[in-house]
Amino acid sequence: MLATWTWVITILLSLFFIGMSLRFRKKSSESFLQFAIAGGTLPFFLILFTDIATIMGVGNFVGHSSKGFEVGVANIPFIIGEQGSKILFALIFAGFAARFTYKSIAELLNDLILRDKVSRAIVGILTSAIMIAWIGGQAKGMGALFSVFTGADPLPLIFFFSAVFIIYTTVGGMLSVVWTDFVQGVLLLGLAVWFYIKVFAKVDFSYSNLQTMLADVGASHLTELSISGWEVLNLFITGCFGILAAQVYWQRSFAAVNPKAASRAMFYSGIAAIIFTILASVSGMIVKAINPDVEASNAISWLILNEMTQLVAILFFILIYLAAISSASSQLHSAAIVIVNDLIIPFSKEIKDKKLIVISRWLVVLVGIFSILAAIYSESIISLFSFAYTMTGGGVVPVLVIGLLWKKRKSEKFEMGYQNSKVSVWGGRIGLVSGAIVSVVSGILWGVLVSAILTILVSLLLPNKTDSDRTINIEHA
């Protein structure tokens, strides 16, 4: 019975979202700007709910509950870094980004700081890593839950689920994504609140009760932050810097109708993300207290199937479906736009707008297929995210921050079309590559440090030729 209802709900919701996308096909085909960022016209409520729907993916409900089951409160520093960085992004970058109509963070870096298509491509590749990981993670998490609920092979659902968000993203572009996210976000909030009330009722809404129950099963260590300060800092920086380099949040800021709408939406969604993700992690601890022998990856699913009613199970499946499909479609759209905007346009002769839209739609399909196939061979949802966060955060963020702070003309504001940074072409290239490599090999803290130092040193030793010429001219004058 549960398996039948699972398929019925999946098909009905899928048809509804595909139907919604058809409404925006014509509008999204007007220009590449429309397809990519909805012409920079999105109001506060759409930005808010697309942020919420994108943030609250499978990793928030399933991945972090598994981590909570395994390591307990030691998972919280990563959560605060990962989710709290959205508040940091809102306060520092969202309003700034909304002043412009760029289509990607790489384009912003190229125009305001580096003026180098090679660096632009490097940033495009690095930022794509997070999105490809996230897309695959949503599909894999959805398939794993389906398998637990029905006992069936998850691959058919993974492919069906993936086809749905690929289709409606291809058809309607940014407008399709944000309007489906609006519906998904509203439902997500309601179902998430209801679900966590059910879960925390298992410990009478008392953390002290949870501590006692964990002690009874020999798992009291989960309530202790038994990791070093260095590890805490590394987890925090990994989550924080990965989000600050995430294209999907920059893209929504570029799409906002004004800076206030962008910063407020990201601020409120960041608060919601911290709350719900911590609740997910603590939910894993609750499962550990009830049944310490269940597999960590199936922790929350076991709780639903064995401790709650069939209605709760069905509604939880809807919750995860909404979380997965909203996050996957947003990341897929962003990944396709990055590839067109930063890997194709800079290295091609002038391409007409209509052709860019066609290329973007094909890339939505290709990136979606690649991401799903890659995810099938990954062992963990969170490991997908963490690796991408580390590589991208360590490479892109230091160059971005230094580039924005180290201005040529300190009194001038950044404006589209005007480079105003002392970071040189080679400084940017070396900073990006070294930060990404060292972060993966030795950890993000070392990666950020190496990237920052090399970006500054190389920029001083190898300044842009135009900078050198300008200095010589001034001295001669």
Foldseek 3Di string as FASTA:
>chain_A
DLLVLLVVVLVVLLVVLLVLLLVQQVVLLPFVLCQQQNVLADFLLLLQLLLLLQLQALCLFQVLLLVLLVQACLLLLLLCLQLVLLLVCLVPPLQVLSVAQDRWPLVVCCFAFEVDLVLSQLLLVLLLLLLLLLLQLLLVSLLVLSCLRPVDRSVVVSVVLLVSLLSSCLRRHPVSLSVLSSVLSVLLVVLLVVLLVVLCVLQPVDVVSLLVLCVVVVRNSSVPNPDDPVVSVQSSLLSNLLNSSHGLLSSNSSSHNHSVSSSVSSNVSSVVSSVSSSSSSVSSSSLCSVPVPDNSSCSVVCCPVPVHDSVNVSSVSSSNSSSSSSNNSSSLSSSLSSCLSRVNVVPDDDDDGSVSSVSSSVSSVVSSVVSNVVSVPDDGSVVSNSLSSQLSSLQPVLSVVQQLVAFQDVVDDGDGNDHTGLQYNVLNVCLRVQLNVCCNVPNNVVSNVVSNVSRVVCSVVPPDPVVVVVVVVVVVD
